[in-house]
N, C-alpha and C. Protein backbone atom coordinates (compact mmCIF):
# COMPACT_ATOMS: atom_id res chain seq x y z
N UNK A 1 -25.30 -3.03 -18.08
CA UNK A 1 -24.57 -3.63 -18.35
C UNK A 1 -23.54 -3.67 -18.53
N UNK A 2 -22.13 -4.35 -18.08
CA UNK A 2 -20.61 -4.18 -18.44
C UNK A 2 -19.92 -4.52 -20.07
N UNK A 3 -21.27 -5.90 -20.23
CA UNK A 3 -21.12 -5.98 -22.05
C UNK A 3 -21.84 -5.18 -22.73
N UNK A 4 -22.61 -4.41 -22.19
CA UNK A 4 -23.32 -3.04 -23.07
C UNK A 4 -22.48 -2.08 -23.52
N UNK A 5 -21.57 -1.92 -22.70
CA UNK A 5 -20.91 -0.78 -22.77
C UNK A 5 -19.55 -1.37 -23.26
N UNK A 6 -19.45 -2.48 -23.46
CA UNK A 6 -17.82 -2.85 -23.87
C UNK A 6 -18.38 -4.73 -24.22
N UNK A 7 -18.78 -4.90 -25.35
CA UNK A 7 -19.14 -5.97 -26.01
C UNK A 7 -17.68 -7.11 -26.08
N UNK A 8 -17.00 -6.80 -26.20
CA UNK A 8 -15.21 -7.60 -26.08
C UNK A 8 -15.10 -8.08 -24.91
N UNK A 9 -16.48 -7.92 -23.66
CA UNK A 9 -15.82 -8.86 -22.47
C UNK A 9 -16.47 -9.68 -22.40
N UNK A 10 -17.68 -9.76 -23.40
CA UNK A 10 -18.39 -11.30 -23.30
C UNK A 10 -17.51 -12.59 -23.38
N UNK A 11 -16.44 -12.11 -24.51
CA UNK A 11 -15.28 -13.41 -24.78
C UNK A 11 -14.42 -13.50 -23.21
N UNK A 12 -14.43 -12.37 -22.53
CA UNK A 12 -13.33 -12.87 -21.39
C UNK A 12 -14.50 -13.29 -20.18
N UNK A 13 -13.69 -14.42 -19.53
CA UNK A 13 -14.41 -14.90 -18.14
C UNK A 13 -13.43 -14.02 -17.18
N UNK A 14 -14.33 -13.10 -16.59
CA UNK A 14 -14.34 -11.99 -15.37
C UNK A 14 -14.57 -12.92 -14.23
N UNK A 15 -14.30 -13.05 -13.31
CA UNK A 15 -14.64 -13.29 -11.87
C UNK A 15 -14.30 -12.43 -10.82
N UNK A 16 -14.65 -12.57 -9.68
CA UNK A 16 -14.30 -11.97 -8.67
C UNK A 16 -12.92 -12.04 -8.36
N UNK A 17 -12.50 -13.43 -8.41
CA UNK A 17 -10.90 -13.27 -7.92
C UNK A 17 -10.16 -12.57 -9.08
N UNK A 18 -10.64 -12.58 -10.31
CA UNK A 18 -10.18 -11.58 -11.55
C UNK A 18 -9.71 -10.12 -10.90
N UNK A 19 -11.19 -9.82 -10.34
CA UNK A 19 -11.11 -8.33 -10.27
C UNK A 19 -10.21 -8.20 -8.86
N UNK A 20 -10.24 -9.14 -7.93
CA UNK A 20 -9.69 -8.73 -6.57
C UNK A 20 -7.84 -8.83 -7.03
N UNK A 21 -7.80 -9.62 -7.63
CA UNK A 21 -6.28 -9.64 -8.39
C UNK A 21 -5.99 -8.50 -8.95
N UNK A 22 -6.87 -7.93 -10.03
CA UNK A 22 -6.27 -7.16 -10.54
C UNK A 22 -6.16 -5.65 -9.89
N UNK A 23 -7.20 -5.20 -9.40
CA UNK A 23 -7.06 -4.42 -8.27
C UNK A 23 -5.97 -4.14 -7.26
N UNK A 24 -5.40 -5.58 -6.91
CA UNK A 24 -4.43 -5.68 -6.11
C UNK A 24 -3.16 -5.33 -6.69
N UNK A 25 -2.83 -5.76 -7.78
CA UNK A 25 -1.71 -5.53 -8.79
C UNK A 25 -1.55 -4.07 -9.11
N UNK A 26 -3.04 -3.32 -9.29
CA UNK A 26 -3.06 -1.82 -9.57
C UNK A 26 -2.38 -0.80 -8.21
N UNK A 27 -3.24 -1.19 -7.15
CA UNK A 27 -2.93 -0.71 -5.91
C UNK A 27 -1.33 -0.55 -5.58
N UNK A 28 -0.63 -2.06 -5.64
CA UNK A 28 0.78 -2.16 -5.80
C UNK A 28 1.72 -1.19 -6.63
N UNK A 29 1.12 -1.29 -8.18
CA UNK A 29 1.55 -0.39 -8.55
C UNK A 29 1.99 1.11 -8.49
N UNK A 30 0.50 1.56 -7.85
CA UNK A 30 -0.10 3.04 -7.33
C UNK A 30 1.07 3.17 -6.17
N UNK A 31 1.63 2.05 -5.68
CA UNK A 31 2.39 2.68 -4.53
C UNK A 31 2.18 2.32 -3.24
N UNK A 32 1.29 1.73 -3.21
CA UNK A 32 0.27 1.41 -1.80
C UNK A 32 1.11 0.27 -1.12
N UNK A 33 1.77 0.35 -0.28
CA UNK A 33 2.39 -0.96 0.28
C UNK A 33 1.58 -2.03 0.44
N UNK A 34 2.58 -3.09 0.48
CA UNK A 34 1.84 -4.52 0.56
C UNK A 34 1.09 -5.04 1.74
N UNK A 35 1.42 -4.20 2.97
CA UNK A 35 0.90 -4.81 4.18
C UNK A 35 -0.53 -4.13 4.24
N UNK A 36 -1.07 -2.84 3.45
CA UNK A 36 -1.90 -2.26 3.58
C UNK A 36 -3.14 -2.96 2.50
N UNK A 37 -2.51 -3.55 1.39
CA UNK A 37 -3.16 -4.50 0.45
C UNK A 37 -3.31 -5.54 0.93
N UNK A 38 -2.72 -6.20 1.80
CA UNK A 38 -2.91 -7.44 2.55
C UNK A 38 -4.25 -7.13 3.60
N UNK A 39 -4.35 -6.12 4.08
CA UNK A 39 -5.67 -5.69 4.78
C UNK A 39 -6.61 -5.33 3.94
N UNK A 40 -6.42 -4.76 3.06
CA UNK A 40 -7.44 -4.38 2.30
C UNK A 40 -7.87 -5.47 1.40
N UNK A 41 -7.49 -6.76 1.27
CA UNK A 41 -7.78 -7.81 0.79
C UNK A 41 -8.27 -9.04 1.61
N UNK A 42 -7.86 -8.75 3.11
CA UNK A 42 -8.67 -9.44 4.17
C UNK A 42 -7.75 -10.95 4.69
N UNK A 43 -6.46 -10.44 4.06
CA UNK A 43 -5.85 -11.74 4.38
C UNK A 43 -4.76 -11.66 5.66
N UNK A 44 -4.56 -12.89 5.96
CA UNK A 44 -3.95 -13.14 7.73
C UNK A 44 -2.55 -12.34 7.34
N UNK A 45 -1.80 -13.57 6.13
CA UNK A 45 -0.55 -13.48 6.13
C UNK A 45 -0.45 -12.50 4.98
N UNK A 46 1.18 -12.14 4.91
CA UNK A 46 1.45 -11.71 3.83
C UNK A 46 2.20 -12.65 2.94
N UNK A 47 2.44 -14.01 2.97
CA UNK A 47 2.82 -14.48 2.16
C UNK A 47 1.47 -14.95 1.23
N UNK A 48 0.23 -14.96 1.63
CA UNK A 48 -0.78 -15.26 0.58
C UNK A 48 -0.86 -14.01 -0.34
N UNK A 49 -0.46 -12.63 0.26
CA UNK A 49 -0.92 -11.12 -0.47
C UNK A 49 0.47 -11.03 -1.65
N UNK A 50 1.37 -11.73 -0.94
CA UNK A 50 2.62 -11.95 -2.10
C UNK A 50 2.44 -12.68 -3.86
N UNK A 51 1.64 -13.29 -3.40
CA UNK A 51 0.79 -13.83 -4.98
C UNK A 51 0.29 -12.99 -5.71
N UNK A 52 0.22 -11.70 -5.01
CA UNK A 52 -0.55 -10.89 -5.73
C UNK A 52 0.33 -9.86 -6.15
N UNK A 53 1.39 -9.90 -5.49
CA UNK A 53 2.61 -8.71 -6.05
C UNK A 53 3.25 -8.83 -7.10
N UNK A 54 3.11 -8.98 -8.51
CA UNK A 54 3.51 -9.14 -9.67
C UNK A 54 4.15 -7.82 -9.92
N UNK A 55 5.78 -8.29 -10.41
CA UNK A 55 6.26 -6.64 -10.39
C UNK A 55 6.32 -6.73 -12.34
N UNK A 56 5.97 -5.64 -12.49
CA UNK A 56 5.78 -5.41 -14.08
C UNK A 56 6.87 -4.63 -14.34
N UNK A 57 7.34 -4.49 -15.64
CA UNK A 57 8.82 -3.74 -16.21
C UNK A 57 8.62 -2.26 -15.46
N UNK A 58 7.68 -1.42 -15.85
CA UNK A 58 7.49 -0.02 -15.26
C UNK A 58 8.02 -0.16 -13.83
N UNK A 59 7.20 -1.18 -12.97
CA UNK A 59 7.52 -0.99 -11.40
C UNK A 59 9.19 -1.04 -11.68
N UNK A 60 9.86 -1.97 -12.21
CA UNK A 60 10.88 -2.63 -11.94
C UNK A 60 11.91 -0.98 -12.34
N UNK A 61 11.52 -0.45 -13.55
CA UNK A 61 12.25 0.54 -14.08
C UNK A 61 12.35 2.05 -13.07
N UNK A 62 10.88 1.91 -12.46
CA UNK A 62 10.87 3.16 -11.38
C UNK A 62 11.85 2.73 -10.19
N UNK A 63 11.93 1.49 -9.53
CA UNK A 63 12.99 0.87 -8.76
C UNK A 63 14.44 1.64 -8.88
N UNK A 64 14.69 0.98 -10.42
CA UNK A 64 16.03 0.94 -10.75
C UNK A 64 16.14 2.91 -10.82
N UNK A 65 15.46 3.61 -11.62
CA UNK A 65 15.73 4.93 -11.73
C UNK A 65 15.39 5.81 -9.79
N UNK A 66 15.43 5.15 -8.89
CA UNK A 66 15.52 5.66 -7.76
C UNK A 66 16.92 5.34 -6.90
N UNK A 67 17.48 4.62 -6.97
CA UNK A 67 18.84 4.26 -6.60
C UNK A 67 19.99 4.27 -7.37
N UNK A 68 21.34 4.78 -6.47
CA UNK A 68 22.38 5.15 -7.70
C UNK A 68 23.05 3.99 -7.74
N UNK A 69 23.28 3.85 -8.94
CA UNK A 69 23.98 1.94 -8.92
C UNK A 69 25.65 3.03 -9.73
N UNK A 70 25.82 3.90 -9.40
CA UNK A 70 27.18 4.54 -10.04
C UNK A 70 28.32 3.52 -9.41
N UNK A 71 28.01 3.12 -8.16
CA UNK A 71 29.03 2.45 -7.29
C UNK A 71 29.40 3.64 -6.34
N UNK A 72 29.64 4.66 -6.59
CA UNK A 72 30.38 5.95 -5.65
C UNK A 72 29.25 5.97 -4.63
N UNK A 73 30.00 6.44 -3.63
CA UNK A 73 29.44 6.73 -2.35
C UNK A 73 28.72 8.23 -2.58
N UNK A 74 27.17 8.38 -1.99
CA UNK A 74 26.70 9.46 -2.20
C UNK A 74 27.65 10.94 -1.66
N UNK A 75 28.03 10.34 -0.60
CA UNK A 75 28.95 11.25 -0.14
C UNK A 75 30.50 10.86 0.06
N UNK A 76 31.13 12.12 0.07
CA UNK A 76 33.15 11.00 0.13
C UNK A 76 33.34 10.69 1.29
N UNK A 77 33.92 9.62 1.63
CA UNK A 77 34.24 8.82 3.10
C UNK A 77 35.43 9.90 3.46
N UNK A 78 34.94 9.64 4.59
CA UNK A 78 35.99 10.52 5.87
C UNK A 78 37.00 9.44 6.07
N UNK A 79 38.29 9.87 6.61
CA UNK A 79 39.02 9.19 7.30
C UNK A 79 38.83 9.87 8.74
N UNK A 80 38.65 8.75 9.51
CA UNK A 80 38.44 8.96 10.89
C UNK A 80 39.68 8.27 11.31
N UNK A 81 40.12 9.16 12.72
CA UNK A 81 41.50 8.54 13.15
C UNK A 81 40.66 7.87 14.59
N UNK A 82 40.65 6.94 14.80
CA UNK A 82 40.12 6.11 16.19
C UNK A 82 41.31 5.09 16.55
N UNK A 83 42.30 5.57 17.48
CA UNK A 83 43.30 4.85 17.82
C UNK A 83 43.01 3.43 18.47
N UNK A 84 41.73 3.18 19.34
CA UNK A 84 41.48 2.25 19.71
C UNK A 84 41.02 1.03 18.64
N UNK A 85 40.47 1.51 17.54
CA UNK A 85 40.04 0.52 16.40
C UNK A 85 41.42 0.21 15.74
N UNK A 86 42.65 1.03 15.55
CA UNK A 86 43.87 0.90 14.92
C UNK A 86 44.43 -0.01 15.74
N UNK A 87 44.42 0.03 16.86
CA UNK A 87 45.18 -0.80 17.79
C UNK A 87 44.76 -2.27 17.97
N UNK A 88 42.95 -2.34 18.08
CA UNK A 88 42.31 -3.82 17.65
C UNK A 88 42.86 -4.34 16.21
N UNK A 89 42.73 -3.58 15.23
CA UNK A 89 43.32 -3.94 14.05
C UNK A 89 44.65 -4.72 13.96
N UNK A 90 45.47 -3.78 14.63
CA UNK A 90 47.03 -4.59 14.30
C UNK A 90 47.16 -5.75 14.73
N UNK A 91 46.36 -5.79 16.35
CA UNK A 91 46.41 -6.73 17.16
C UNK A 91 46.11 -8.25 16.41
N UNK A 92 45.21 -8.05 15.40
CA UNK A 92 44.48 -9.36 14.51
C UNK A 92 45.67 -9.81 13.59
């Protein structure tokens, strides 16, 4: 049994809900999309699944690392000559 392998577990109250919650949070942290987690948990609504969608600091850091926050466009903006647009803008 688990308590034989890990005596400290006896002091904790582990329920099926705790196991589902922990598994859902770990799945989310591993990059599994929320809709797949919803299906795995058997939820009808994503609103119910979003209760499990706790974002930890590591997930926040990964999200920030994946975006460019410099404020500069990824590629230089090209100036285009669109006469109809210019005519429209001048008419405003």
